[in-house]
N, C-alpha and C. Protein backbone atom coordinates (compact mmCIF):
# COMPACT_ATOMS: atom_id res chain seq x y z
N UNK A 1 -28.22 34.43 -20.74
CA UNK A 1 -28.88 33.64 -21.59
C UNK A 1 -30.49 33.53 -21.26
N UNK A 2 -31.36 33.76 -22.16
CA UNK A 2 -32.68 33.39 -21.60
C UNK A 2 -33.09 32.09 -21.48
N UNK A 3 -34.03 31.71 -20.79
CA UNK A 3 -34.52 30.54 -20.38
C UNK A 3 -35.24 29.75 -21.59
N UNK A 4 -35.70 30.41 -22.53
CA UNK A 4 -36.27 29.72 -23.90
C UNK A 4 -35.06 29.22 -24.71
N UNK A 5 -33.88 30.23 -24.76
CA UNK A 5 -32.80 29.49 -25.49
C UNK A 5 -31.97 28.46 -24.87
N UNK A 6 -32.15 28.28 -23.54
CA UNK A 6 -31.51 27.30 -22.77
C UNK A 6 -32.23 25.97 -23.38
N UNK A 7 -33.42 25.91 -23.15
CA UNK A 7 -34.17 24.74 -23.53
C UNK A 7 -34.01 24.23 -25.01
N UNK A 8 -33.82 25.44 -25.94
CA UNK A 8 -33.74 24.74 -27.19
C UNK A 8 -32.26 24.30 -27.58
N UNK A 9 -31.07 24.82 -26.62
CA UNK A 9 -29.95 24.42 -26.72
C UNK A 9 -29.83 22.99 -26.09
N UNK A 10 -30.52 22.69 -25.03
CA UNK A 10 -30.47 21.39 -24.32
C UNK A 10 -31.16 20.28 -25.25
N UNK A 11 -32.21 20.73 -25.90
CA UNK A 11 -32.76 19.72 -26.82
C UNK A 11 -31.83 19.39 -27.96
N UNK A 12 -31.20 20.43 -28.41
CA UNK A 12 -30.25 20.14 -29.58
C UNK A 12 -29.28 19.26 -29.17
N UNK A 13 -28.61 19.40 -27.92
CA UNK A 13 -27.72 18.31 -27.51
C UNK A 13 -28.13 16.79 -27.43
N UNK A 14 -29.23 17.00 -26.88
CA UNK A 14 -29.84 15.53 -26.69
C UNK A 14 -30.15 14.87 -28.02
N UNK A 15 -30.69 15.70 -29.14
CA UNK A 15 -30.78 15.13 -30.34
C UNK A 15 -29.55 14.62 -30.78
N UNK A 16 -28.47 15.46 -30.87
CA UNK A 16 -27.08 15.09 -31.39
C UNK A 16 -26.71 13.90 -30.78
N UNK A 17 -26.88 13.78 -29.36
CA UNK A 17 -26.37 12.62 -28.65
C UNK A 17 -26.97 11.28 -29.09
N UNK A 18 -28.38 11.46 -29.29
CA UNK A 18 -29.06 10.19 -29.70
C UNK A 18 -28.63 9.97 -31.14
N UNK A 19 -28.50 10.79 -32.12
CA UNK A 19 -28.15 10.51 -33.43
C UNK A 19 -26.77 9.94 -33.39
N UNK A 20 -25.78 10.36 -32.54
CA UNK A 20 -24.29 10.04 -32.66
C UNK A 20 -24.49 8.31 -31.93
N UNK A 21 -25.37 8.12 -30.93
CA UNK A 21 -25.47 6.91 -30.40
C UNK A 21 -26.17 5.77 -31.61
N UNK A 22 -27.19 6.28 -32.11
CA UNK A 22 -27.42 5.25 -33.14
C UNK A 22 -26.62 5.09 -34.36
N UNK A 23 -25.72 6.05 -34.96
CA UNK A 23 -24.70 5.75 -35.75
C UNK A 23 -23.75 4.97 -35.39
N UNK A 24 -23.26 4.94 -34.09
CA UNK A 24 -22.18 3.93 -33.50
C UNK A 24 -22.82 2.64 -33.40
N UNK A 25 -24.09 2.50 -32.90
CA UNK A 25 -24.85 1.21 -32.99
C UNK A 25 -25.01 0.64 -34.38
N UNK A 26 -25.20 1.28 -35.16
CA UNK A 26 -25.52 0.81 -36.59
C UNK A 26 -24.23 0.47 -37.16
N UNK A 27 -23.10 1.06 -36.83
CA UNK A 27 -21.67 0.50 -37.31
C UNK A 27 -21.37 -0.67 -36.82
N UNK A 28 -21.63 -0.87 -35.45
CA UNK A 28 -21.31 -2.29 -34.82
C UNK A 28 -22.05 -3.42 -35.31
N UNK A 29 -23.44 -3.07 -35.55
CA UNK A 29 -24.33 -4.09 -36.13
C UNK A 29 -23.91 -4.35 -37.47
N UNK A 30 -23.82 -3.49 -38.55
CA UNK A 30 -23.45 -3.91 -39.59
C UNK A 30 -22.14 -4.42 -39.80
N UNK A 31 -21.18 -3.96 -39.01
CA UNK A 31 -19.80 -4.60 -39.15
C UNK A 31 -19.77 -6.15 -38.95
N UNK A 32 -20.60 -6.69 -37.76
CA UNK A 32 -20.81 -8.04 -37.63
C UNK A 32 -21.81 -8.87 -38.56
N UNK A 33 -22.46 -8.12 -39.33
CA UNK A 33 -23.46 -8.93 -40.06
C UNK A 33 -22.98 -9.60 -41.47
N UNK A 34 -21.99 -9.15 -41.82
CA UNK A 34 -21.41 -9.57 -43.14
C UNK A 34 -20.41 -10.65 -43.08
N UNK A 35 -20.25 -11.50 -44.13
CA UNK A 35 -19.37 -12.65 -44.33
C UNK A 35 -19.91 -13.99 -43.90
N UNK A 36 -19.32 -14.95 -44.09
CA UNK A 36 -19.67 -16.29 -43.82
C UNK A 36 -21.09 -16.57 -44.28
N UNK A 37 -21.69 -16.18 -45.44
CA UNK A 37 -23.00 -16.82 -45.71
C UNK A 37 -22.91 -18.27 -46.27
N UNK A 38 -23.79 -19.10 -45.49
CA UNK A 38 -23.63 -20.43 -45.85
C UNK A 38 -24.92 -20.71 -46.73
N UNK A 39 -24.78 -21.41 -47.79
CA UNK A 39 -26.10 -22.11 -48.29
C UNK A 39 -26.30 -23.46 -47.98
N UNK A 40 -27.45 -23.74 -47.50
CA UNK A 40 -27.56 -25.03 -46.98
C UNK A 40 -28.62 -25.55 -48.11
N UNK A 41 -28.23 -26.63 -48.82
CA UNK A 41 -28.99 -27.39 -49.74
C UNK A 41 -29.66 -28.66 -49.09
N UNK A 42 -31.01 -28.63 -49.12
CA UNK A 42 -31.77 -29.84 -48.57
C UNK A 42 -32.49 -30.63 -49.81
N UNK A 43 -32.39 -32.14 -49.57
CA UNK A 43 -33.15 -32.66 -50.81
C UNK A 43 -33.98 -33.81 -49.76
N UNK A 44 -35.35 -33.69 -49.88
CA UNK A 44 -36.27 -34.60 -49.24
C UNK A 44 -36.02 -34.37 -47.51
N UNK A 45 -35.83 -33.17 -47.28
CA UNK A 45 -35.73 -32.93 -45.94
C UNK A 45 -34.39 -33.10 -45.22
N UNK A 46 -33.51 -33.75 -45.88
CA UNK A 46 -32.13 -33.97 -45.56
C UNK A 46 -31.01 -32.92 -46.00
N UNK A 47 -30.14 -32.34 -45.11
CA UNK A 47 -28.94 -31.64 -45.64
C UNK A 47 -28.04 -32.44 -46.40
N UNK A 48 -27.91 -32.03 -47.64
CA UNK A 48 -27.09 -32.77 -48.54
C UNK A 48 -25.65 -31.84 -48.58
N UNK A 49 -25.75 -30.68 -48.89
CA UNK A 49 -24.65 -30.02 -48.88
C UNK A 49 -24.69 -28.80 -48.00
N UNK A 50 -23.45 -28.17 -47.61
CA UNK A 50 -23.35 -26.80 -46.85
C UNK A 50 -22.26 -26.10 -47.62
N UNK A 51 -22.41 -24.84 -48.12
CA UNK A 51 -21.54 -24.24 -49.17
C UNK A 51 -21.24 -22.92 -48.44
N UNK A 52 -20.01 -22.37 -48.02
CA UNK A 52 -19.65 -21.03 -47.75
C UNK A 52 -19.53 -20.32 -48.97
N UNK A 53 -20.54 -19.53 -49.24
CA UNK A 53 -20.66 -18.72 -50.41
C UNK A 53 -19.61 -17.78 -50.61
N UNK A 54 -19.00 -17.22 -49.53
CA UNK A 54 -17.99 -16.26 -49.44
C UNK A 54 -16.69 -16.80 -49.76
N UNK A 55 -16.53 -18.11 -49.85
CA UNK A 55 -15.23 -18.85 -50.19
C UNK A 55 -15.34 -19.35 -51.44
N UNK A 56 -16.19 -19.20 -52.42
CA UNK A 56 -16.19 -19.65 -53.73
C UNK A 56 -15.36 -18.62 -54.51
N UNK A 57 -14.36 -19.31 -55.10
CA UNK A 57 -13.44 -18.62 -55.86
C UNK A 57 -13.80 -18.84 -57.38
N UNK A 58 -14.21 -19.78 -57.95
CA UNK A 58 -14.66 -20.09 -59.09
C UNK A 58 -16.13 -20.75 -59.09
N UNK A 59 -16.98 -20.36 -59.98
CA UNK A 59 -18.53 -20.63 -60.23
C UNK A 59 -18.15 -22.02 -60.64
N UNK A 60 -19.30 -22.81 -60.22
CA UNK A 60 -19.35 -24.25 -60.41
C UNK A 60 -20.87 -24.59 -60.28
N UNK A 61 -21.26 -25.97 -60.81
CA UNK A 61 -22.58 -26.35 -60.63
C UNK A 61 -22.56 -27.91 -60.34
N UNK A 62 -23.74 -28.31 -59.70
CA UNK A 62 -23.76 -29.69 -59.53
C UNK A 62 -25.29 -30.00 -59.42
N UNK A 63 -25.36 -31.45 -59.73
CA UNK A 63 -26.81 -31.99 -59.89
C UNK A 63 -27.42 -32.43 -58.76
N UNK A 64 -28.71 -32.30 -58.31
CA UNK A 64 -29.33 -33.15 -57.14
C UNK A 64 -30.45 -33.94 -57.84
N UNK A 65 -30.21 -35.21 -57.56
CA UNK A 65 -31.41 -36.03 -58.11
C UNK A 65 -32.28 -36.36 -57.08
N UNK A 66 -33.76 -36.28 -57.32
CA UNK A 66 -34.68 -36.50 -56.20
C UNK A 66 -35.14 -37.86 -56.42
N UNK A 67 -35.79 -38.50 -55.33
CA UNK A 67 -36.37 -39.76 -55.26
C UNK A 67 -37.29 -40.20 -56.33
N UNK A 68 -38.09 -39.06 -56.70
CA UNK A 68 -38.97 -39.17 -57.78
C UNK A 68 -38.91 -39.30 -59.23
N UNK A 69 -37.20 -39.44 -59.44
CA UNK A 69 -36.61 -39.14 -60.76
C UNK A 69 -36.42 -37.92 -61.30
N UNK A 70 -36.85 -36.96 -60.60
CA UNK A 70 -36.68 -35.25 -61.01
C UNK A 70 -35.12 -35.05 -60.62
N UNK A 71 -34.85 -33.84 -61.14
CA UNK A 71 -33.39 -33.24 -60.92
C UNK A 71 -33.41 -31.84 -61.04
N UNK A 72 -32.47 -31.24 -60.16
CA UNK A 72 -32.14 -29.84 -60.31
C UNK A 72 -30.85 -29.53 -60.54
N UNK A 73 -30.31 -28.71 -61.36
CA UNK A 73 -28.94 -28.23 -61.57
C UNK A 73 -28.85 -26.91 -60.78
N UNK A 74 -27.87 -27.03 -59.83
CA UNK A 74 -27.87 -25.80 -58.90
C UNK A 74 -26.30 -25.16 -59.31
N UNK A 75 -26.24 -23.84 -59.45
CA UNK A 75 -25.12 -23.14 -59.95
C UNK A 75 -24.56 -22.27 -58.65
N UNK A 76 -23.26 -22.34 -58.44
CA UNK A 76 -22.67 -21.63 -57.36
C UNK A 76 -21.72 -20.65 -57.67
N UNK A 77 -22.16 -19.47 -57.32
CA UNK A 77 -21.13 -18.30 -57.55
C UNK A 77 -20.42 -17.70 -56.20
N UNK A 78 -19.61 -16.72 -56.30
CA UNK A 78 -19.21 -16.01 -55.00
C UNK A 78 -20.20 -15.22 -54.57
N UNK A 79 -20.81 -15.71 -53.36
CA UNK A 79 -21.87 -14.83 -52.81
C UNK A 79 -23.22 -15.27 -53.19
N UNK A 80 -23.41 -15.93 -54.00
CA UNK A 80 -24.71 -16.43 -54.94
C UNK A 80 -25.02 -17.79 -55.11
N UNK A 81 -26.27 -18.13 -55.17
CA UNK A 81 -26.60 -19.57 -55.56
C UNK A 81 -27.93 -19.42 -56.20
N UNK A 82 -28.06 -20.45 -57.22
CA UNK A 82 -29.36 -20.36 -57.99
C UNK A 82 -29.46 -21.62 -58.69
N UNK A 83 -30.81 -22.19 -58.97
CA UNK A 83 -31.17 -23.15 -59.89
C UNK A 83 -31.26 -22.75 -61.25
N UNK A 84 -30.32 -23.32 -62.26
CA UNK A 84 -30.32 -23.03 -63.69
C UNK A 84 -31.07 -23.98 -64.37
N UNK A 85 -31.52 -25.23 -63.92
CA UNK A 85 -32.21 -26.14 -64.58
C UNK A 85 -32.96 -27.26 -63.99
N UNK A 86 -34.09 -27.49 -64.09
CA UNK A 86 -35.03 -28.35 -63.22
C UNK A 86 -35.93 -29.11 -64.15
N UNK A 87 -36.31 -30.35 -63.57
CA UNK A 87 -37.38 -31.25 -64.41
C UNK A 87 -38.72 -30.96 -63.94
N UNK A 88 -38.99 -30.06 -63.05
CA UNK A 88 -40.21 -29.89 -62.58
C UNK A 88 -41.01 -29.10 -63.65
N UNK A 89 -42.42 -29.19 -63.38
CA UNK A 89 -43.20 -28.65 -64.61
C UNK A 89 -43.40 -27.17 -64.31
N UNK A 90 -43.33 -26.50 -63.19
CA UNK A 90 -43.71 -25.03 -62.92
C UNK A 90 -42.42 -24.09 -62.94
N UNK A 91 -41.31 -24.56 -62.79
CA UNK A 91 -39.77 -23.86 -62.83
C UNK A 91 -39.89 -22.83 -61.94
N UNK A 92 -40.51 -22.70 -60.59
CA UNK A 92 -40.55 -21.77 -59.69
C UNK A 92 -39.28 -21.51 -59.16
N UNK A 93 -38.42 -22.70 -59.00
CA UNK A 93 -37.25 -22.73 -58.40
C UNK A 93 -36.32 -21.88 -59.29
N UNK A 94 -36.41 -22.05 -60.67
CA UNK A 94 -35.37 -21.14 -61.57
C UNK A 94 -35.86 -19.84 -61.64
N UNK A 95 -37.26 -19.55 -61.47
CA UNK A 95 -37.45 -18.18 -61.58
C UNK A 95 -37.26 -17.41 -60.39
N UNK A 96 -37.08 -18.07 -59.15
CA UNK A 96 -36.56 -17.45 -57.98
C UNK A 96 -35.42 -16.65 -58.27
N UNK A 97 -34.51 -17.12 -59.10
CA UNK A 97 -33.28 -16.11 -59.54
C UNK A 97 -32.22 -16.69 -58.62
N UNK A 98 -31.11 -15.71 -58.61
CA UNK A 98 -30.02 -15.90 -57.90
C UNK A 98 -30.23 -15.24 -56.35
N UNK A 99 -29.88 -15.84 -55.30
CA UNK A 99 -30.04 -15.44 -54.03
C UNK A 99 -28.85 -15.29 -53.37
N UNK A 100 -28.71 -14.38 -52.30
CA UNK A 100 -27.41 -14.02 -51.71
C UNK A 100 -27.98 -13.86 -50.31
N UNK A 101 -29.14 -13.95 -49.88
CA UNK A 101 -29.62 -13.57 -48.52
C UNK A 101 -30.60 -14.44 -48.00
N UNK A 102 -31.07 -14.69 -46.94
CA UNK A 102 -31.99 -15.57 -46.65
C UNK A 102 -33.28 -15.06 -46.74
N UNK A 103 -33.52 -13.85 -47.25
CA UNK A 103 -34.93 -13.02 -47.50
C UNK A 103 -35.68 -13.93 -48.09
N UNK A 104 -35.33 -14.74 -49.25
CA UNK A 104 -36.14 -15.68 -50.09
C UNK A 104 -35.32 -16.91 -50.30
N UNK A 105 -35.94 -17.88 -49.77
CA UNK A 105 -35.08 -19.37 -50.11
C UNK A 105 -35.45 -19.69 -51.44
N UNK A 106 -35.00 -20.73 -51.82
CA UNK A 106 -35.19 -21.56 -53.23
C UNK A 106 -35.87 -22.66 -52.87
N UNK A 107 -37.15 -22.92 -53.51
CA UNK A 107 -37.87 -24.22 -53.13
C UNK A 107 -38.31 -24.89 -54.45
N UNK A 108 -38.25 -25.99 -54.56
CA UNK A 108 -38.68 -26.97 -55.67
C UNK A 108 -39.41 -28.11 -54.93
N UNK A 109 -40.77 -27.83 -54.89
CA UNK A 109 -41.83 -28.74 -54.23
C UNK A 109 -41.99 -30.05 -55.07
N UNK A 110 -41.87 -30.15 -56.30
CA UNK A 110 -42.06 -31.58 -57.02
C UNK A 110 -40.84 -32.25 -56.65
N UNK A 111 -39.73 -31.66 -56.71
CA UNK A 111 -38.47 -32.28 -56.48
C UNK A 111 -37.70 -32.39 -54.92
N UNK A 112 -38.64 -31.91 -54.13
CA UNK A 112 -38.57 -31.77 -52.68
C UNK A 112 -37.10 -31.18 -52.41
N UNK A 113 -36.76 -30.21 -53.09
CA UNK A 113 -35.52 -29.27 -52.89
C UNK A 113 -35.74 -28.21 -52.20
N UNK A 114 -34.69 -27.79 -51.39
CA UNK A 114 -34.88 -26.27 -50.62
C UNK A 114 -33.53 -25.93 -50.39
N UNK A 115 -33.24 -24.67 -50.72
CA UNK A 115 -31.83 -23.99 -50.61
C UNK A 115 -32.15 -22.87 -49.81
N UNK A 116 -31.60 -22.62 -48.56
CA UNK A 116 -31.36 -21.51 -47.74
C UNK A 116 -30.15 -21.09 -47.38
N UNK A 117 -30.28 -19.67 -47.04
CA UNK A 117 -28.80 -19.20 -46.56
C UNK A 117 -29.01 -18.58 -45.18
N UNK A 118 -27.95 -18.87 -44.54
CA UNK A 118 -27.61 -18.60 -43.02
C UNK A 118 -26.33 -17.87 -42.98
N UNK A 119 -26.37 -16.87 -42.04
CA UNK A 119 -25.06 -16.24 -41.78
C UNK A 119 -24.16 -16.94 -40.83
N UNK A 120 -23.09 -16.30 -40.52
CA UNK A 120 -21.97 -17.02 -39.66
C UNK A 120 -22.34 -17.28 -38.14
N UNK A 121 -23.60 -16.70 -37.74
CA UNK A 121 -24.18 -16.89 -36.47
C UNK A 121 -25.48 -17.77 -36.47
N UNK A 122 -25.74 -18.33 -37.78
CA UNK A 122 -26.86 -19.06 -37.80
C UNK A 122 -28.10 -18.44 -37.92
N UNK A 123 -28.14 -17.08 -37.89
CA UNK A 123 -29.24 -16.38 -38.07
C UNK A 123 -29.97 -16.13 -39.46
N UNK A 124 -30.96 -15.86 -39.68
CA UNK A 124 -31.40 -15.45 -40.99
C UNK A 124 -31.81 -14.13 -41.11
N UNK A 125 -31.90 -13.38 -42.21
CA UNK A 125 -32.25 -11.90 -42.28
C UNK A 125 -33.78 -11.95 -41.94
N UNK A 126 -34.12 -10.58 -41.28
CA UNK A 126 -35.55 -10.33 -40.96
C UNK A 126 -36.13 -9.88 -42.07
N UNK A 127 -37.25 -10.40 -42.44
CA UNK A 127 -38.28 -10.06 -43.66
C UNK A 127 -39.53 -9.30 -42.88
N UNK A 128 -39.73 -8.17 -43.17
CA UNK A 128 -40.97 -7.65 -42.63
C UNK A 128 -41.98 -7.27 -43.90
């Protein structure tokens, strides 16, 4: 075997090893990242509800009243949460839509409402 061919062969084995290690690492990281997504609902900075979104069997909604007389209607589905109705003038909380990860929280500043999602380890998703 020529020396040049040996270098190509060693490089190929190294690349295959790196690719296999990356695939195995990704498998273990993704395997543990799913499940137990909790929605945390805050009103005026206080946690008022903690909902395990993966355990929701039937959709439901509830109303959150703010101290200023405003309100938000929050809908919960399996894996998702969203605001369907609000008394605030800008309706940003409604336009945020359904969320299922912590990439974008729902916030209603006039009614002092925040909804965020955490995973089972208390971590949020990375947004770049």
